[in-house]
Amino acid sequence: PLDNGARVRRTLDRTYCDTRFFSTNVKFWQTHLSGMANEVA
């Protein structure tokens, strides 16, 4: 479990993350990660 935030693997420059497996607090997802679909191309 996470108290807050997210736990994820990223490249060292933090410009790419591994979405195959990651953990996120629900509040964090709703605040920072929801609605990403329209930004994907």
ModelCIF file with pLDDT and N, C-alpha, C, O atoms, coordinates in Angstrom:
data_MODEL
#
_entry.id   MODEL 
#
_entity.id                         1 
_entity.type                       polymer 
_entity.pdbx_number_of_molecules   1 
#
_entity_poly.entity_id                      1 
_entity_poly.type                           'polypeptide(L)' 
_entity_poly.nstd_linkage                   no 
_entity_poly.nstd_monomer                   no 
_entity_poly.pdbx_seq_one_letter_code       PLDNGARVRRTLDRTYCDTRFFSTNVKFWQTHLSGMANEVA 
_entity_poly.pdbx_seq_one_letter_code_can   PLDNGARVRRTLDRTYCDTRFFSTNVKFWQTHLSGMANEVA 
_entity_poly.pdbx_strand_id                 A 
#
loop_
_entity_poly_seq.entity_id 
_entity_poly_seq.num 
_entity_poly_seq.mon_id 
_entity_poly_seq.hetero 
1 1  PRO n 
1 2  LEU n 
1 3  ASP n 
1 4  ASN n 
1 5  GLY n 
1 6  ALA n 
1 7  ARG n 
1 8  VAL n 
1 9  ARG n 
1 10 ARG n 
1 11 THR n 
1 12 LEU n 
1 13 ASP n 
1 14 ARG n 
1 15 THR n 
1 16 TYR n 
1 17 CYS n 
1 18 ASP n 
1 19 THR n 
1 20 ARG n 
1 21 PHE n 
1 22 PHE n 
1 23 SER n 
1 24 THR n 
1 25 ASN n 
1 26 VAL n 
1 27 LYS n 
1 28 PHE n 
1 29 TRP n 
1 30 GLN n 
1 31 THR n 
1 32 HIS n 
1 33 LEU n 
1 34 SER n 
1 35 GLY n 
1 36 MET n 
1 37 ALA n 
1 38 ASN n 
1 39 GLU n 
1 40 VAL n 
1 41 ALA n 
#
_struct_asym.id          A 
_struct_asym.entity_id   1 
#
loop_
_ma_qa_metric.id 
_ma_qa_metric.mode 
_ma_qa_metric.name 
_ma_qa_metric.software_group_id 
_ma_qa_metric.type 
1 global pLDDT . pLDDT 
2 local  pLDDT . pLDDT 
#
_ma_qa_metric_global.metric_id      1 
_ma_qa_metric_global.metric_value   96.49 
_ma_qa_metric_global.model_id       1 
_ma_qa_metric_global.ordinal_id     1 
#
loop_
_ma_qa_metric_local.label_asym_id 
_ma_qa_metric_local.label_comp_id 
_ma_qa_metric_local.label_seq_id 
_ma_qa_metric_local.metric_id 
_ma_qa_metric_local.metric_value 
_ma_qa_metric_local.model_id 
_ma_qa_metric_local.ordinal_id 
A PRO 1  2 95.00 1 1  
A LEU 2  2 94.00 1 2  
A ASP 3  2 90.00 1 3  
A ASN 4  2 91.00 1 4  
A GLY 5  2 95.00 1 5  
A ALA 6  2 97.00 1 6  
A ARG 7  2 98.00 1 7  
A VAL 8  2 98.00 1 8  
A ARG 9  2 96.00 1 9  
A ARG 10 2 96.00 1 10 
A THR 11 2 95.00 1 11 
A LEU 12 2 93.00 1 12 
A ASP 13 2 95.00 1 13 
A ARG 14 2 96.00 1 14 
A THR 15 2 97.00 1 15 
A TYR 16 2 98.00 1 16 
A CYS 17 2 97.00 1 17 
A ASP 18 2 97.00 1 18 
A THR 19 2 97.00 1 19 
A ARG 20 2 97.00 1 20 
A PHE 21 2 98.00 1 21 
A PHE 22 2 98.00 1 22 
A SER 23 2 98.00 1 23 
A THR 24 2 98.00 1 24 
A ASN 25 2 95.00 1 25 
A VAL 26 2 97.00 1 26 
A LYS 27 2 96.00 1 27 
A PHE 28 2 97.00 1 28 
A TRP 29 2 98.00 1 29 
A GLN 30 2 97.00 1 30 
A THR 31 2 97.00 1 31 
A HIS 32 2 98.00 1 32 
A LEU 33 2 98.00 1 33 
A SER 34 2 98.00 1 34 
A GLY 35 2 98.00 1 35 
A MET 36 2 98.00 1 36 
A ALA 37 2 97.00 1 37 
A ASN 38 2 95.00 1 38 
A GLU 39 2 98.00 1 39 
A VAL 40 2 98.00 1 40 
A ALA 41 2 97.00 1 41 
#
loop_
_atom_site.group_PDB 
_atom_site.id 
_atom_site.type_symbol 
_atom_site.label_atom_id 
_atom_site.label_alt_id 
_atom_site.label_comp_id 
_atom_site.label_asym_id 
_atom_site.label_entity_id 
_atom_site.label_seq_id 
_atom_site.pdbx_PDB_ins_code 
_atom_site.Cartn_x 
_atom_site.Cartn_y 
_atom_site.Cartn_z 
_atom_site.occupancy 
_atom_site.B_iso_or_equiv 
_atom_site.pdbx_formal_charge 
_atom_site.auth_seq_id 
_atom_site.auth_comp_id 
_atom_site.auth_asym_id 
_atom_site.auth_atom_id 
_atom_site.pdbx_PDB_model_num 
ATOM 1   N N  . PRO A 1 1  ? 0.812  -1.225 0.000   1.00 95.00 ? 1  PRO A N  1 
ATOM 2   C CA . PRO A 1 1  ? 0.000  0.000  0.000   1.00 95.00 ? 1  PRO A CA 1 
ATOM 3   C C  . PRO A 1 1  ? 0.842  1.270  0.000   1.00 95.00 ? 1  PRO A C  1 
ATOM 4   O O  . PRO A 1 1  ? 1.981  1.286  0.468   1.00 95.00 ? 1  PRO A O  1 
ATOM 5   N N  . LEU A 1 2  ? 0.250  2.332  -0.539  1.00 94.00 ? 2  LEU A N  1 
ATOM 6   C CA . LEU A 1 2  ? 0.860  3.658  -0.581  1.00 94.00 ? 2  LEU A CA 1 
ATOM 7   C C  . LEU A 1 2  ? 0.018  4.617  0.239   1.00 94.00 ? 2  LEU A C  1 
ATOM 8   O O  . LEU A 1 2  ? -1.210 4.583  0.163   1.00 94.00 ? 2  LEU A O  1 
ATOM 9   N N  . ASP A 1 3  ? 0.660  5.466  1.019   1.00 90.00 ? 3  ASP A N  1 
ATOM 10  C CA . ASP A 1 3  ? -0.083 6.498  1.731   1.00 90.00 ? 3  ASP A CA 1 
ATOM 11  C C  . ASP A 1 3  ? -0.502 7.611  0.777   1.00 90.00 ? 3  ASP A C  1 
ATOM 12  O O  . ASP A 1 3  ? -1.582 8.188  0.909   1.00 90.00 ? 3  ASP A O  1 
ATOM 13  N N  . ASN A 1 4  ? 0.374  7.903  -0.188  1.00 91.00 ? 4  ASN A N  1 
ATOM 14  C CA . ASN A 1 4  ? 0.098  8.948  -1.168  1.00 91.00 ? 4  ASN A CA 1 
ATOM 15  C C  . ASN A 1 4  ? 1.055  8.775  -2.333  1.00 91.00 ? 4  ASN A C  1 
ATOM 16  O O  . ASN A 1 4  ? 2.042  8.047  -2.225  1.00 91.00 ? 4  ASN A O  1 
ATOM 17  N N  . GLY A 1 5  ? 0.771  9.439  -3.448  1.00 95.00 ? 5  GLY A N  1 
ATOM 18  C CA . GLY A 1 5  ? 1.694  9.426  -4.565  1.00 95.00 ? 5  GLY A CA 1 
ATOM 19  C C  . GLY A 1 5  ? 1.587  8.169  -5.406  1.00 95.00 ? 5  GLY A C  1 
ATOM 20  O O  . GLY A 1 5  ? 0.536  7.533  -5.488  1.00 95.00 ? 5  GLY A O  1 
ATOM 21  N N  . ALA A 1 6  ? 2.716  7.826  -6.036  1.00 97.00 ? 6  ALA A N  1 
ATOM 22  C CA . ALA A 1 6  ? 2.762  6.684  -6.937  1.00 97.00 ? 6  ALA A CA 1 
ATOM 23  C C  . ALA A 1 6  ? 4.099  5.983  -6.797  1.00 97.00 ? 6  ALA A C  1 
ATOM 24  O O  . ALA A 1 6  ? 5.075  6.540  -6.295  1.00 97.00 ? 6  ALA A O  1 
ATOM 25  N N  . ARG A 1 7  ? 4.109  4.748  -7.256  1.00 98.00 ? 7  ARG A N  1 
ATOM 26  C CA . ARG A 1 7  ? 5.348  3.956  -7.272  1.00 98.00 ? 7  ARG A CA 1 
ATOM 27  C C  . ARG A 1 7  ? 5.466  3.362  -8.675  1.00 98.00 ? 7  ARG A C  1 
ATOM 28  O O  . ARG A 1 7  ? 4.579  2.632  -9.116  1.00 98.00 ? 7  ARG A O  1 
ATOM 29  N N  . VAL A 1 8  ? 6.566  3.674  -9.380  1.00 98.00 ? 8  VAL A N  1 
ATOM 30  C CA . VAL A 1 8  ? 6.654  3.338  -10.795 1.00 98.00 ? 8  VAL A CA 1 
ATOM 31  C C  . VAL A 1 8  ? 8.120  3.312  -11.237 1.00 98.00 ? 8  VAL A C  1 
ATOM 32  O O  . VAL A 1 8  ? 8.967  3.978  -10.641 1.00 98.00 ? 8  VAL A O  1 
ATOM 33  N N  . ARG A 1 9  ? 8.405  2.548  -12.273 1.00 96.00 ? 9  ARG A N  1 
ATOM 34  C CA . ARG A 1 9  ? 9.730  2.566  -12.890 1.00 96.00 ? 9  ARG A CA 1 
ATOM 35  C C  . ARG A 1 9  ? 9.740  3.622  -13.985 1.00 96.00 ? 9  ARG A C  1 
ATOM 36  O O  . ARG A 1 9  ? 8.819  3.706  -14.798 1.00 96.00 ? 9  ARG A O  1 
ATOM 37  N N  . ARG A 1 10 ? 10.815 4.435  -13.990 1.00 96.00 ? 10 ARG A N  1 
ATOM 38  C CA . ARG A 1 10 ? 10.963 5.467  -15.019 1.00 96.00 ? 10 ARG A CA 1 
ATOM 39  C C  . ARG A 1 10 ? 12.385 5.470  -15.543 1.00 96.00 ? 10 ARG A C  1 
ATOM 40  O O  . ARG A 1 10 ? 13.298 4.959  -14.895 1.00 96.00 ? 10 ARG A O  1 
ATOM 41  N N  . THR A 1 11 ? 12.568 6.052  -16.728 1.00 95.00 ? 11 THR A N  1 
ATOM 42  C CA . THR A 1 11 ? 13.915 6.288  -17.202 1.00 95.00 ? 11 THR A CA 1 
ATOM 43  C C  . THR A 1 11 ? 14.570 7.327  -16.295 1.00 95.00 ? 11 THR A C  1 
ATOM 44  O O  . THR A 1 11 ? 13.886 8.052  -15.574 1.00 95.00 ? 11 THR A O  1 
ATOM 45  N N  . LEU A 1 12 ? 15.880 7.390  -16.338 1.00 93.00 ? 12 LEU A N  1 
ATOM 46  C CA . LEU A 1 12 ? 16.597 8.274  -15.422 1.00 93.00 ? 12 LEU A CA 1 
ATOM 47  C C  . LEU A 1 12 ? 16.274 9.747  -15.651 1.00 93.00 ? 12 LEU A C  1 
ATOM 48  O O  . LEU A 1 12 ? 16.319 10.547 -14.717 1.00 93.00 ? 12 LEU A O  1 
ATOM 49  N N  . ASP A 1 13 ? 15.945 10.108 -16.902 1.00 95.00 ? 13 ASP A N  1 
ATOM 50  C CA . ASP A 1 13 ? 15.572 11.502 -17.149 1.00 95.00 ? 13 ASP A CA 1 
ATOM 51  C C  . ASP A 1 13 ? 14.093 11.768 -16.869 1.00 95.00 ? 13 ASP A C  1 
ATOM 52  O O  . ASP A 1 13 ? 13.615 12.890 -17.032 1.00 95.00 ? 13 ASP A O  1 
ATOM 53  N N  . ARG A 1 14 ? 13.366 10.716 -16.441 1.00 96.00 ? 14 ARG A N  1 
ATOM 54  C CA . ARG A 1 14 ? 11.973 10.803 -16.016 1.00 96.00 ? 14 ARG A CA 1 
ATOM 55  C C  . ARG A 1 14 ? 11.006 11.205 -17.138 1.00 96.00 ? 14 ARG A C  1 
ATOM 56  O O  . ARG A 1 14 ? 9.921  11.719 -16.865 1.00 96.00 ? 14 ARG A O  1 
ATOM 57  N N  . THR A 1 15 ? 11.393 10.975 -18.386 1.00 97.00 ? 15 THR A N  1 
ATOM 58  C CA . THR A 1 15 ? 10.523 11.335 -19.507 1.00 97.00 ? 15 THR A CA 1 
ATOM 59  C C  . THR A 1 15 ? 9.708  10.151 -20.017 1.00 97.00 ? 15 THR A C  1 
ATOM 60  O O  . THR A 1 15 ? 8.880  10.319 -20.912 1.00 97.00 ? 15 THR A O  1 
ATOM 61  N N  . TYR A 1 16 ? 9.924  8.958  -19.467 1.00 98.00 ? 16 TYR A N  1 
ATOM 62  C CA . TYR A 1 16 ? 9.239  7.754  -19.930 1.00 98.00 ? 16 TYR A CA 1 
ATOM 63  C C  . TYR A 1 16 ? 9.058  6.838  -18.727 1.00 98.00 ? 16 TYR A C  1 
ATOM 64  O O  . TYR A 1 16 ? 9.995  6.632  -17.955 1.00 98.00 ? 16 TYR A O  1 
ATOM 65  N N  . CYS A 1 17 ? 7.863  6.291  -18.566 1.00 97.00 ? 17 CYS A N  1 
ATOM 66  C CA . CYS A 1 17 ? 7.632  5.384  -17.438 1.00 97.00 ? 17 CYS A CA 1 
ATOM 67  C C  . CYS A 1 17 ? 7.046  4.069  -17.920 1.00 97.00 ? 17 CYS A C  1 
ATOM 68  O O  . CYS A 1 17 ? 6.444  3.986  -18.990 1.00 97.00 ? 17 CYS A O  1 
ATOM 69  N N  . ASP A 1 18 ? 7.237  3.050  -17.105 1.00 97.00 ? 18 ASP A N  1 
ATOM 70  C CA . ASP A 1 18 ? 6.774  1.703  -17.432 1.00 97.00 ? 18 ASP A CA 1 
ATOM 71  C C  . ASP A 1 18 ? 5.337  1.552  -16.947 1.00 97.00 ? 18 ASP A C  1 
ATOM 72  O O  . ASP A 1 18 ? 5.082  1.523  -15.743 1.00 97.00 ? 18 ASP A O  1 
ATOM 73  N N  . THR A 1 19 ? 4.407  1.456  -17.880 1.00 97.00 ? 19 THR A N  1 
ATOM 74  C CA . THR A 1 19 ? 2.994  1.365  -17.505 1.00 97.00 ? 19 THR A CA 1 
ATOM 75  C C  . THR A 1 19 ? 2.498  -0.076 -17.415 1.00 97.00 ? 19 THR A C  1 
ATOM 76  O O  . THR A 1 19 ? 1.311  -0.308 -17.186 1.00 97.00 ? 19 THR A O  1 
ATOM 77  N N  . ARG A 1 20 ? 3.396  -1.046 -17.591 1.00 97.00 ? 20 ARG A N  1 
ATOM 78  C CA . ARG A 1 20 ? 2.958  -2.441 -17.481 1.00 97.00 ? 20 ARG A CA 1 
ATOM 79  C C  . ARG A 1 20 ? 2.589  -2.788 -16.044 1.00 97.00 ? 20 ARG A C  1 
ATOM 80  O O  . ARG A 1 20 ? 1.673  -3.574 -15.803 1.00 97.00 ? 20 ARG A O  1 
ATOM 81  N N  . PHE A 1 21 ? 3.308  -2.198 -15.091 1.00 98.00 ? 21 PHE A N  1 
ATOM 82  C CA . PHE A 1 21 ? 2.996  -2.399 -13.679 1.00 98.00 ? 21 PHE A CA 1 
ATOM 83  C C  . PHE A 1 21 ? 3.373  -1.143 -12.921 1.00 98.00 ? 21 PHE A C  1 
ATOM 84  O O  . PHE A 1 21 ? 4.514  -0.687 -12.989 1.00 98.00 ? 21 PHE A O  1 
ATOM 85  N N  . PHE A 1 22 ? 2.420  -0.587 -12.201 1.00 98.00 ? 22 PHE A N  1 
ATOM 86  C CA . PHE A 1 22 ? 2.698  0.552  -11.330 1.00 98.00 ? 22 PHE A CA 1 
ATOM 87  C C  . PHE A 1 22 ? 1.647  0.597  -10.237 1.00 98.00 ? 22 PHE A C  1 
ATOM 88  O O  . PHE A 1 22 ? 0.599  -0.040 -10.343 1.00 98.00 ? 22 PHE A O  1 
ATOM 89  N N  . SER A 1 23 ? 1.929  1.344  -9.199  1.00 98.00 ? 23 SER A N  1 
ATOM 90  C CA . SER A 1 23 ? 0.997  1.502  -8.079  1.00 98.00 ? 23 SER A CA 1 
ATOM 91  C C  . SER A 1 23 ? 0.693  2.982  -7.888  1.00 98.00 ? 23 SER A C  1 
ATOM 92  O O  . SER A 1 23 ? 1.566  3.831  -8.064  1.00 98.00 ? 23 SER A O  1 
ATOM 93  N N  . THR A 1 24 ? -0.539 3.280  -7.531  1.00 98.00 ? 24 THR A N  1 
ATOM 94  C CA . THR A 1 24 ? -0.931 4.663  -7.301  1.00 98.00 ? 24 THR A CA 1 
ATOM 95  C C  . THR A 1 24 ? -1.991 4.738  -6.218  1.00 98.00 ? 24 THR A C  1 
ATOM 96  O O  . THR A 1 24 ? -2.857 3.869  -6.120  1.00 98.00 ? 24 THR A O  1 
ATOM 97  N N  . ASN A 1 25 ? -1.919 5.760  -5.426  1.00 95.00 ? 25 ASN A N  1 
ATOM 98  C CA . ASN A 1 25 ? -2.983 6.092  -4.495  1.00 95.00 ? 25 ASN A CA 1 
ATOM 99  C C  . ASN A 1 25 ? -4.172 6.632  -5.301  1.00 95.00 ? 25 ASN A C  1 
ATOM 100 O O  . ASN A 1 25 ? -3.978 7.367  -6.269  1.00 95.00 ? 25 ASN A O  1 
ATOM 101 N N  . VAL A 1 26 ? -5.392 6.274  -4.911  1.00 97.00 ? 26 VAL A N  1 
ATOM 102 C CA . VAL A 1 26 ? -6.568 6.687  -5.682  1.00 97.00 ? 26 VAL A CA 1 
ATOM 103 C C  . VAL A 1 26 ? -6.666 8.206  -5.779  1.00 97.00 ? 26 VAL A C  1 
ATOM 104 O O  . VAL A 1 26 ? -6.936 8.740  -6.854  1.00 97.00 ? 26 VAL A O  1 
ATOM 105 N N  . LYS A 1 27 ? -6.452 8.896  -4.683  1.00 96.00 ? 27 LYS A N  1 
ATOM 106 C CA . LYS A 1 27 ? -6.506 10.351 -4.698  1.00 96.00 ? 27 LYS A CA 1 
ATOM 107 C C  . LYS A 1 27 ? -5.469 10.926 -5.656  1.00 96.00 ? 27 LYS A C  1 
ATOM 108 O O  . LYS A 1 27 ? -5.738 11.895 -6.367  1.00 96.00 ? 27 LYS A O  1 
ATOM 109 N N  . PHE A 1 28 ? -4.276 10.318 -5.669  1.00 97.00 ? 28 PHE A N  1 
ATOM 110 C CA . PHE A 1 28 ? -3.217 10.777 -6.569  1.00 97.00 ? 28 PHE A CA 1 
ATOM 111 C C  . PHE A 1 28 ? -3.634 10.566 -8.022  1.00 97.00 ? 28 PHE A C  1 
ATOM 112 O O  . PHE A 1 28 ? -3.424 11.440 -8.863  1.00 97.00 ? 28 PHE A O  1 
ATOM 113 N N  . TRP A 1 29 ? -4.223 9.412  -8.318  1.00 98.00 ? 29 TRP A N  1 
ATOM 114 C CA . TRP A 1 29 ? -4.675 9.155  -9.685  1.00 98.00 ? 29 TRP A CA 1 
ATOM 115 C C  . TRP A 1 29 ? -5.708 10.196 -10.111 1.00 98.00 ? 29 TRP A C  1 
ATOM 116 O O  . TRP A 1 29 ? -5.608 10.771 -11.194 1.00 98.00 ? 29 TRP A O  1 
ATOM 117 N N  . GLN A 1 30 ? -6.689 10.430 -9.261  1.00 97.00 ? 30 GLN A N  1 
ATOM 118 C CA . GLN A 1 30 ? -7.753 11.359 -9.620  1.00 97.00 ? 30 GLN A CA 1 
ATOM 119 C C  . GLN A 1 30 ? -7.236 12.782 -9.797  1.00 97.00 ? 30 GLN A C  1 
ATOM 120 O O  . GLN A 1 30 ? -7.725 13.529 -10.644 1.00 97.00 ? 30 GLN A O  1 
ATOM 121 N N  . THR A 1 31 ? -6.237 13.149 -8.984  1.00 97.00 ? 31 THR A N  1 
ATOM 122 C CA . THR A 1 31 ? -5.716 14.516 -9.024  1.00 97.00 ? 31 THR A CA 1 
ATOM 123 C C  . THR A 1 31 ? -4.710 14.724 -10.151 1.00 97.00 ? 31 THR A C  1 
ATOM 124 O O  . THR A 1 31 ? -4.714 15.768 -10.804 1.00 97.00 ? 31 THR A O  1 
ATOM 125 N N  . HIS A 1 32 ? -3.855 13.741 -10.379 1.00 98.00 ? 32 HIS A N  1 
ATOM 126 C CA . HIS A 1 32 ? -2.714 13.943 -11.281 1.00 98.00 ? 32 HIS A CA 1 
ATOM 127 C C  . HIS A 1 32 ? -2.704 13.081 -12.546 1.00 98.00 ? 32 HIS A C  1 
ATOM 128 O O  . HIS A 1 32 ? -2.045 13.444 -13.521 1.00 98.00 ? 32 HIS A O  1 
ATOM 129 N N  . LEU A 1 33 ? -3.411 11.955 -12.557 1.00 98.00 ? 33 LEU A N  1 
ATOM 130 C CA . LEU A 1 33 ? -3.266 11.022 -13.674 1.00 98.00 ? 33 LEU A CA 1 
ATOM 131 C C  . LEU A 1 33 ? -4.538 10.741 -14.458 1.00 98.00 ? 33 LEU A C  1 
ATOM 132 O O  . LEU A 1 33 ? -4.474 10.131 -15.525 1.00 98.00 ? 33 LEU A O  1 
ATOM 133 N N  . SER A 1 34 ? -5.674 11.163 -13.965 1.00 98.00 ? 34 SER A N  1 
ATOM 134 C CA . SER A 1 34 ? -6.910 10.913 -14.712 1.00 98.00 ? 34 SER A CA 1 
ATOM 135 C C  . SER A 1 34 ? -6.962 11.807 -15.959 1.00 98.00 ? 34 SER A C  1 
ATOM 136 O O  . SER A 1 34 ? -6.335 12.866 -16.007 1.00 98.00 ? 34 SER A O  1 
ATOM 137 N N  . GLY A 1 35 ? -7.716 11.360 -16.958 1.00 98.00 ? 35 GLY A N  1 
ATOM 138 C CA . GLY A 1 35 ? -7.903 12.169 -18.160 1.00 98.00 ? 35 GLY A CA 1 
ATOM 139 C C  . GLY A 1 35 ? -6.701 12.234 -19.088 1.00 98.00 ? 35 GLY A C  1 
ATOM 140 O O  . GLY A 1 35 ? -6.555 13.201 -19.835 1.00 98.00 ? 35 GLY A O  1 
ATOM 141 N N  . MET A 1 36 ? -5.841 11.230 -19.056 1.00 98.00 ? 36 MET A N  1 
ATOM 142 C CA . MET A 1 36 ? -4.647 11.249 -19.913 1.00 98.00 ? 36 MET A CA 1 
ATOM 143 C C  . MET A 1 36 ? -4.954 10.903 -21.364 1.00 98.00 ? 36 MET A C  1 
ATOM 144 O O  . MET A 1 36 ? -4.147 11.199 -22.246 1.00 98.00 ? 36 MET A O  1 
ATOM 145 N N  . ALA A 1 37 ? -6.099 10.285 -21.633 1.00 97.00 ? 37 ALA A N  1 
ATOM 146 C CA . ALA A 1 37 ? -6.383 9.763  -22.971 1.00 97.00 ? 37 ALA A CA 1 
ATOM 147 C C  . ALA A 1 37 ? -6.239 10.822 -24.062 1.00 97.00 ? 37 ALA A C  1 
ATOM 148 O O  . ALA A 1 37 ? -5.676 10.543 -25.121 1.00 97.00 ? 37 ALA A O  1 
ATOM 149 N N  . ASN A 1 38 ? -6.736 12.020 -23.818 1.00 95.00 ? 38 ASN A N  1 
ATOM 150 C CA . ASN A 1 38 ? -6.706 13.057 -24.846 1.00 95.00 ? 38 ASN A CA 1 
ATOM 151 C C  . ASN A 1 38 ? -5.313 13.593 -25.118 1.00 95.00 ? 38 ASN A C  1 
ATOM 152 O O  . ASN A 1 38 ? -5.098 14.288 -26.111 1.00 95.00 ? 38 ASN A O  1 
ATOM 153 N N  . GLU A 1 39 ? -4.362 13.278 -24.244 1.00 98.00 ? 39 GLU A N  1 
ATOM 154 C CA . GLU A 1 39 ? -2.982 13.738 -24.438 1.00 98.00 ? 39 GLU A CA 1 
ATOM 155 C C  . GLU A 1 39 ? -2.130 12.711 -25.168 1.00 98.00 ? 39 GLU A C  1 
ATOM 156 O O  . GLU A 1 39 ? -1.021 13.016 -25.605 1.00 98.00 ? 39 GLU A O  1 
ATOM 157 N N  . VAL A 1 40 ? -2.648 11.494 -25.300 1.00 98.00 ? 40 VAL A N  1 
ATOM 158 C CA . VAL A 1 40 ? -1.925 10.438 -26.008 1.00 98.00 ? 40 VAL A CA 1 
ATOM 159 C C  . VAL A 1 40 ? -2.122 10.622 -27.512 1.00 98.00 ? 40 VAL A C  1 
ATOM 160 O O  . VAL A 1 40 ? -3.216 10.954 -27.970 1.00 98.00 ? 40 VAL A O  1 
ATOM 161 N N  . ALA A 1 41 ? -1.051 10.403 -28.271 1.00 97.00 ? 41 ALA A N  1 
ATOM 162 C CA . ALA A 1 41 ? -1.129 10.478 -29.737 1.00 97.00 ? 41 ALA A CA 1 
ATOM 163 C C  . ALA A 1 41 ? -0.159 9.451  -30.302 1.00 97.00 ? 41 ALA A C  1 
ATOM 164 O O  . ALA A 1 41 ? -0.040 9.319  -31.520 1.00 97.00 ? 41 ALA A O  1 
#
